[in-house]
Amino acid sequence: MNDPRELVKQLIEHIGENPEREGLKDTPRRVIAAYEKLFSGYGQKPEDVLTVFGDEAYDEMIVVKDIEFYSTCEHHMLPFLGKAHVGYIPNGKIIGLSKIPRLVEMYARRLQNQERLTSQIAKALDEILNAKGVGVIIEAKHFCMMARGVEKQNSNVVTSSLRGWFKKDLNTRTEFLRLTGRQAL
């Protein structure tokens, strides 16, 4: 495999810059270090970040909202960032509250599209908890829409993944939307 620093150096040359000038000499190393953090989610599985507590009698909705995240668009390798709102109704098991943002972070730290990110979070919670219902809403700004293409600075993309009671039961869906600050549809 090629030295990834050499690949970054070639990219700098490709855009018309001199990779040997003072401000760019150490850029290849810094880019690789940044990529290691940006894409650290590949080295993790949901089981690595979720702590599950069984034998819990709690059966009402649990919601963690406004979870800030950063991800990288797989189509243009540009950032997108926003907030995730995640809820579930336990079915005998709960997870540590800080683990929901860790799950979002794990999937966000990969080359992604927003639709898949939303579904992956919902699927992982649903499978690990066997929850009565799971809901995930993500709203994000995409640099690929802001800095190129349509160049719209204030556009937000909203995606959702609803499972179990969140999908089948209007009252459950309405409660989730209300708790996350969204209007019922």
C-alpha atoms as a PDB file:
ATOM      1  CA  MET A   1       0.000   0.000   0.000  1.00  0.00           C
ATOM      2  CA  ASN A   2       1.170   3.510  -0.741  1.00  0.00           C
ATOM      3  CA  ASP A   3       2.185   5.742   2.147  1.00  0.00           C
ATOM      4  CA  PRO A   4      -1.026   7.707   2.780  1.00  0.00           C
ATOM      5  CA  ARG A   5       1.022  10.869   3.402  1.00  0.00           C
ATOM      6  CA  GLU A   6       2.319  10.593  -0.166  1.00  0.00           C
ATOM      7  CA  LEU A   7      -1.258  10.346  -1.431  1.00  0.00           C
ATOM      8  CA  VAL A   8      -2.181  13.559   0.419  1.00  0.00           C
ATOM      9  CA  LYS A   9       0.931  15.213  -0.991  1.00  0.00           C
ATOM     10  CA  GLN A  10      -0.171  14.179  -4.505  1.00  0.00           C
ATOM     11  CA  LEU A  11      -3.627  15.620  -3.858  1.00  0.00           C
ATOM     12  CA  ILE A  12      -2.074  18.928  -2.781  1.00  0.00           C
ATOM     13  CA  GLU A  13      -0.066  18.956  -6.010  1.00  0.00           C
ATOM     14  CA  HIS A  14      -3.190  18.022  -8.014  1.00  0.00           C
ATOM     15  CA  ILE A  15      -5.060  21.124  -6.851  1.00  0.00           C
ATOM     16  CA  GLY A  16      -2.126  23.303  -7.909  1.00  0.00           C
ATOM     17  CA  GLU A  17      -0.328  23.873  -4.609  1.00  0.00           C
ATOM     18  CA  ASN A  18       3.249  23.276  -3.603  1.00  0.00           C
ATOM     19  CA  PRO A  19       3.343  20.621  -0.854  1.00  0.00           C
ATOM     20  CA  GLU A  20       6.858  21.787   0.087  1.00  0.00           C
ATOM     21  CA  ARG A  21       5.923  25.334   1.004  1.00  0.00           C
ATOM     22  CA  GLU A  22       6.162  26.174   4.698  1.00  0.00           C
ATOM     23  CA  GLY A  23       2.463  26.052   5.570  1.00  0.00           C
ATOM     24  CA  LEU A  24       1.915  22.716   3.793  1.00  0.00           C
ATOM     25  CA  LYS A  25       5.034  20.699   4.690  1.00  0.00           C
ATOM     26  CA  ASP A  26       3.401  18.913   7.617  1.00  0.00           C
ATOM     27  CA  THR A  27      -0.123  18.869   6.163  1.00  0.00           C
ATOM     28  CA  PRO A  28       0.009  15.237   4.953  1.00  0.00           C
ATOM     29  CA  ARG A  29       0.747  14.019   8.501  1.00  0.00           C
ATOM     30  CA  ARG A  30      -1.992  16.240   9.958  1.00  0.00           C
ATOM     31  CA  VAL A  31      -4.541  15.057   7.364  1.00  0.00           C
ATOM     32  CA  ILE A  32      -3.829  11.397   8.133  1.00  0.00           C
ATOM     33  CA  ALA A  33      -4.156  12.072  11.891  1.00  0.00           C
ATOM     34  CA  ALA A  34      -7.458  13.870  11.275  1.00  0.00           C
ATOM     35  CA  TYR A  35      -8.742  10.998   9.126  1.00  0.00           C
ATOM     36  CA  GLU A  36      -7.900   8.502  11.854  1.00  0.00           C
ATOM     37  CA  LYS A  37     -10.241  10.412  14.196  1.00  0.00           C
ATOM     38  CA  LEU A  38     -12.899  11.181  11.561  1.00  0.00           C
ATOM     39  CA  PHE A  39     -13.172   7.532  10.559  1.00  0.00           C
ATOM     40  CA  SER A  40     -12.584   5.876  13.938  1.00  0.00           C
ATOM     41  CA  GLY A  41     -16.075   4.338  13.826  1.00  0.00           C
ATOM     42  CA  TYR A  42     -14.863   1.562  11.534  1.00  0.00           C
ATOM     43  CA  GLY A  43     -13.007  -0.035  14.417  1.00  0.00           C
ATOM     44  CA  GLN A  44     -16.110  -0.332  16.622  1.00  0.00           C
ATOM     45  CA  LYS A  45     -19.327  -2.341  16.839  1.00  0.00           C
ATOM     46  CA  PRO A  46     -22.512  -1.382  18.701  1.00  0.00           C
ATOM     47  CA  GLU A  47     -21.734  -4.007  21.345  1.00  0.00           C
ATOM     48  CA  ASP A  48     -18.469  -2.161  22.041  1.00  0.00           C
ATOM     49  CA  VAL A  49     -20.188   1.115  22.928  1.00  0.00           C
ATOM     50  CA  LEU A  50     -23.510   0.039  24.487  1.00  0.00           C
ATOM     51  CA  THR A  51     -23.862  -1.061  28.098  1.00  0.00           C
ATOM     52  CA  VAL A  52     -27.108  -3.005  28.531  1.00  0.00           C
ATOM     53  CA  PHE A  53     -28.890  -3.400  31.861  1.00  0.00           C
ATOM     54  CA  GLY A  54     -31.422  -6.243  32.018  1.00  0.00           C
ATOM     55  CA  ASP A  55     -34.329  -6.962  34.361  1.00  0.00           C
ATOM     56  CA  GLU A  56     -35.617  -3.404  34.173  1.00  0.00           C
ATOM     57  CA  ALA A  57     -39.325  -2.781  34.676  1.00  0.00           C
ATOM     58  CA  TYR A  58     -39.294   0.702  33.125  1.00  0.00           C
ATOM     59  CA  ASP A  59     -41.604   0.723  30.116  1.00  0.00           C
ATOM     60  CA  GLU A  60     -42.016   4.377  29.140  1.00  0.00           C
ATOM     61  CA  MET A  61     -40.290   6.222  26.331  1.00  0.00           C
ATOM     62  CA  ILE A  62     -36.653   7.240  26.815  1.00  0.00           C
ATOM     63  CA  VAL A  63     -35.406  10.046  24.557  1.00  0.00           C
ATOM     64  CA  VAL A  64     -31.988  11.623  24.174  1.00  0.00           C
ATOM     65  CA  LYS A  65     -32.259  14.622  21.886  1.00  0.00           C
ATOM     66  CA  ASP A  66     -29.970  17.226  20.372  1.00  0.00           C
ATOM     67  CA  ILE A  67     -26.998  14.861  20.087  1.00  0.00           C
ATOM     68  CA  GLU A  68     -24.489  16.838  18.045  1.00  0.00           C
ATOM     69  CA  PHE A  69     -22.487  14.880  15.494  1.00  0.00           C
ATOM     70  CA  TYR A  70     -20.097  15.315  12.588  1.00  0.00           C
ATOM     71  CA  SER A  71     -19.849  12.899   9.718  1.00  0.00           C
ATOM     72  CA  THR A  72     -18.368  12.713   6.226  1.00  0.00           C
ATOM     73  CA  CYS A  73     -20.431  12.403   3.058  1.00  0.00           C
ATOM     74  CA  GLU A  74     -19.397   9.298   1.153  1.00  0.00           C
ATOM     75  CA  HIS A  75     -20.183  10.921  -2.203  1.00  0.00           C
ATOM     76  CA  HIS A  76     -17.933  13.991  -1.942  1.00  0.00           C
ATOM     77  CA  MET A  77     -15.924  13.308   1.222  1.00  0.00           C
ATOM     78  CA  LEU A  78     -17.141  16.607   2.638  1.00  0.00           C
ATOM     79  CA  PRO A  79     -18.506  17.045   6.158  1.00  0.00           C
ATOM     80  CA  PHE A  80     -22.102  17.056   7.221  1.00  0.00           C
ATOM     81  CA  LEU A  81     -23.120  17.940  10.725  1.00  0.00           C
ATOM     82  CA  GLY A  82     -26.235  18.184  12.780  1.00  0.00           C
ATOM     83  CA  LYS A  83     -28.245  16.752  15.605  1.00  0.00           C
ATOM     84  CA  ALA A  84     -29.680  13.327  16.248  1.00  0.00           C
ATOM     85  CA  HIS A  85     -32.769  12.650  18.369  1.00  0.00           C
ATOM     86  CA  VAL A  86     -33.024   9.056  19.554  1.00  0.00           C
ATOM     87  CA  GLY A  87     -35.779   7.370  21.530  1.00  0.00           C
ATOM     88  CA  TYR A  88     -36.866   3.893  22.480  1.00  0.00           C
ATOM     89  CA  ILE A  89     -39.407   2.057  24.592  1.00  0.00           C
ATOM     90  CA  PRO A  90     -37.685  -0.629  26.678  1.00  0.00           C
ATOM     91  CA  ASN A  91     -38.733  -4.242  26.684  1.00  0.00           C
ATOM     92  CA  GLY A  92     -36.999  -5.409  29.878  1.00  0.00           C
ATOM     93  CA  LYS A  93     -33.606  -3.891  28.998  1.00  0.00           C
ATOM     94  CA  ILE A  94     -32.224  -0.351  29.057  1.00  0.00           C
ATOM     95  CA  ILE A  95     -28.867   1.110  28.108  1.00  0.00           C
ATOM     96  CA  GLY A  96     -26.730   3.718  29.818  1.00  0.00           C
ATOM     97  CA  LEU A  97     -27.902   7.158  28.700  1.00  0.00           C
ATOM     98  CA  SER A  98     -24.420   8.292  27.669  1.00  0.00           C
ATOM     99  CA  LYS A  99     -24.211   5.278  25.381  1.00  0.00           C
ATOM    100  CA  ILE A 100     -26.789   6.614  22.930  1.00  0.00           C
ATOM    101  CA  PRO A 101     -24.547   9.549  21.903  1.00  0.00           C
ATOM    102  CA  ARG A 102     -21.642   7.078  21.697  1.00  0.00           C
ATOM    103  CA  LEU A 103     -23.663   4.946  19.273  1.00  0.00           C
ATOM    104  CA  VAL A 104     -24.449   7.999  17.135  1.00  0.00           C
ATOM    105  CA  GLU A 105     -20.764   8.949  17.186  1.00  0.00           C
ATOM    106  CA  MET A 106     -19.638   5.439  16.252  1.00  0.00           C
ATOM    107  CA  TYR A 107     -21.750   5.366  13.087  1.00  0.00           C
ATOM    108  CA  ALA A 108     -21.110   9.043  12.257  1.00  0.00           C
ATOM    109  CA  ARG A 109     -17.345   8.426  12.263  1.00  0.00           C
ATOM    110  CA  ARG A 110     -17.516   6.575   8.940  1.00  0.00           C
ATOM    111  CA  LEU A 111     -18.022   7.543   5.325  1.00  0.00           C
ATOM    112  CA  GLN A 112     -21.791   7.929   5.400  1.00  0.00           C
ATOM    113  CA  ASN A 113     -24.963   9.148   3.903  1.00  0.00           C
ATOM    114  CA  GLN A 114     -27.551  10.563   6.268  1.00  0.00           C
ATOM    115  CA  GLU A 115     -30.187   8.002   5.394  1.00  0.00           C
ATOM    116  CA  ARG A 116     -27.937   5.063   6.280  1.00  0.00           C
ATOM    117  CA  LEU A 117     -26.698   6.754   9.459  1.00  0.00           C
ATOM    118  CA  THR A 118     -30.299   7.152  10.631  1.00  0.00           C
ATOM    119  CA  SER A 119     -31.172   3.529   9.855  1.00  0.00           C
ATOM    120  CA  GLN A 120     -27.999   2.076  11.392  1.00  0.00           C
ATOM    121  CA  ILE A 121     -28.637   3.765  14.741  1.00  0.00           C
ATOM    122  CA  ALA A 122     -32.264   2.569  14.833  1.00  0.00           C
ATOM    123  CA  LYS A 123     -31.376  -0.962  13.745  1.00  0.00           C
ATOM    124  CA  ALA A 124     -28.614  -1.350  16.347  1.00  0.00           C
ATOM    125  CA  LEU A 125     -30.861  -0.223  19.208  1.00  0.00           C
ATOM    126  CA  ASP A 126     -33.718  -2.377  17.998  1.00  0.00           C
ATOM    127  CA  GLU A 127     -31.583  -5.505  17.668  1.00  0.00           C
ATOM    128  CA  ILE A 128     -29.594  -5.132  20.882  1.00  0.00           C
ATOM    129  CA  LEU A 129     -32.505  -4.113  23.112  1.00  0.00           C
ATOM    130  CA  ASN A 130     -35.366  -5.933  21.400  1.00  0.00           C
ATOM    131  CA  ALA A 131     -37.186  -2.698  22.190  1.00  0.00           C
ATOM    132  CA  LYS A 132     -40.934  -2.232  21.849  1.00  0.00           C
ATOM    133  CA  GLY A 133     -40.123   0.659  19.584  1.00  0.00           C
ATOM    134  CA  VAL A 134     -37.252   2.816  18.371  1.00  0.00           C
ATOM    135  CA  GLY A 135     -37.251   6.247  16.775  1.00  0.00           C
ATOM    136  CA  VAL A 136     -34.364   8.196  15.275  1.00  0.00           C
ATOM    137  CA  ILE A 137     -34.571  11.625  13.674  1.00  0.00           C
ATOM    138  CA  ILE A 138     -31.500  13.308  12.224  1.00  0.00           C
ATOM    139  CA  GLU A 139     -31.330  16.856  10.951  1.00  0.00           C
ATOM    140  CA  ALA A 140     -28.126  17.983   9.281  1.00  0.00           C
ATOM    141  CA  LYS A 141     -26.399  20.523   7.088  1.00  0.00           C
ATOM    142  CA  HIS A 142     -24.300  19.118   4.259  1.00  0.00           C
ATOM    143  CA  PHE A 143     -21.213  20.941   3.029  1.00  0.00           C
ATOM    144  CA  CYS A 144     -21.682  19.266  -0.358  1.00  0.00           C
ATOM    145  CA  MET A 145     -24.922  21.277  -0.655  1.00  0.00           C
ATOM    146  CA  MET A 146     -23.411  24.430   0.853  1.00  0.00           C
ATOM    147  CA  ALA A 147     -20.011  24.727  -0.836  1.00  0.00           C
ATOM    148  CA  ARG A 148     -20.685  23.137  -4.227  1.00  0.00           C
ATOM    149  CA  GLY A 149     -23.664  22.002  -6.269  1.00  0.00           C
ATOM    150  CA  VAL A 150     -26.767  24.018  -5.324  1.00  0.00           C
ATOM    151  CA  GLU A 151     -24.796  26.179  -2.833  1.00  0.00           C
ATOM    152  CA  LYS A 152     -27.684  26.588  -0.393  1.00  0.00           C
ATOM    153  CA  GLN A 153     -26.357  27.663   3.002  1.00  0.00           C
ATOM    154  CA  ASN A 154     -29.481  27.245   5.126  1.00  0.00           C
ATOM    155  CA  SER A 155     -30.922  23.975   3.894  1.00  0.00           C
ATOM    156  CA  ASN A 156     -31.428  21.247   6.487  1.00  0.00           C
ATOM    157  CA  VAL A 157     -31.930  17.608   5.603  1.00  0.00           C
ATOM    158  CA  VAL A 158     -34.211  15.653   7.944  1.00  0.00           C
ATOM    159  CA  THR A 159     -34.366  11.851   7.980  1.00  0.00           C
ATOM    160  CA  SER A 160     -36.156   9.440  10.264  1.00  0.00           C
ATOM    161  CA  SER A 161     -36.236   5.759  11.049  1.00  0.00           C
ATOM    162  CA  LEU A 162     -39.185   4.487  13.067  1.00  0.00           C
ATOM    163  CA  ARG A 163     -39.536   0.903  14.244  1.00  0.00           C
ATOM    164  CA  GLY A 164     -42.065  -1.047  16.269  1.00  0.00           C
ATOM    165  CA  TRP A 165     -44.541   1.101  18.186  1.00  0.00           C
ATOM    166  CA  PHE A 166     -42.954   4.308  16.839  1.00  0.00           C
ATOM    167  CA  LYS A 167     -43.981   3.253  13.350  1.00  0.00           C
ATOM    168  CA  LYS A 168     -47.248   1.421  14.030  1.00  0.00           C
ATOM    169  CA  ASP A 169     -48.840   3.537  16.767  1.00  0.00           C
ATOM    170  CA  LEU A 170     -49.828   7.148  16.010  1.00  0.00           C
ATOM    171  CA  ASN A 171     -49.863   8.139  19.712  1.00  0.00           C
ATOM    172  CA  THR A 172     -46.336   6.803  20.266  1.00  0.00           C
ATOM    173  CA  ARG A 173     -45.064   8.546  17.138  1.00  0.00           C
ATOM    174  CA  THR A 174     -46.771  11.801  18.169  1.00  0.00           C
ATOM    175  CA  GLU A 175     -45.252  11.640  21.669  1.00  0.00           C
ATOM    176  CA  PHE A 176     -41.781  11.064  20.206  1.00  0.00           C
ATOM    177  CA  LEU A 177     -42.155  13.961  17.779  1.00  0.00           C
ATOM    178  CA  ARG A 178     -43.398  16.226  20.586  1.00  0.00           C
ATOM    179  CA  LEU A 179     -40.529  15.254  22.923  1.00  0.00           C
ATOM    180  CA  THR A 180     -37.968  15.929  20.187  1.00  0.00           C
ATOM    181  CA  GLY A 181     -39.460  19.337  19.421  1.00  0.00           C
ATOM    182  CA  ARG A 182     -40.985  18.354  16.103  1.00  0.00           C
ATOM    183  CA  GLN A 183     -44.606  18.696  15.088  1.00  0.00           C
ATOM    184  CA  ALA A 184     -46.770  15.640  14.618  1.00  0.00           C
ATOM    185  CA  LEU A 185     -47.388  14.856  10.969  1.00  0.00           C
END
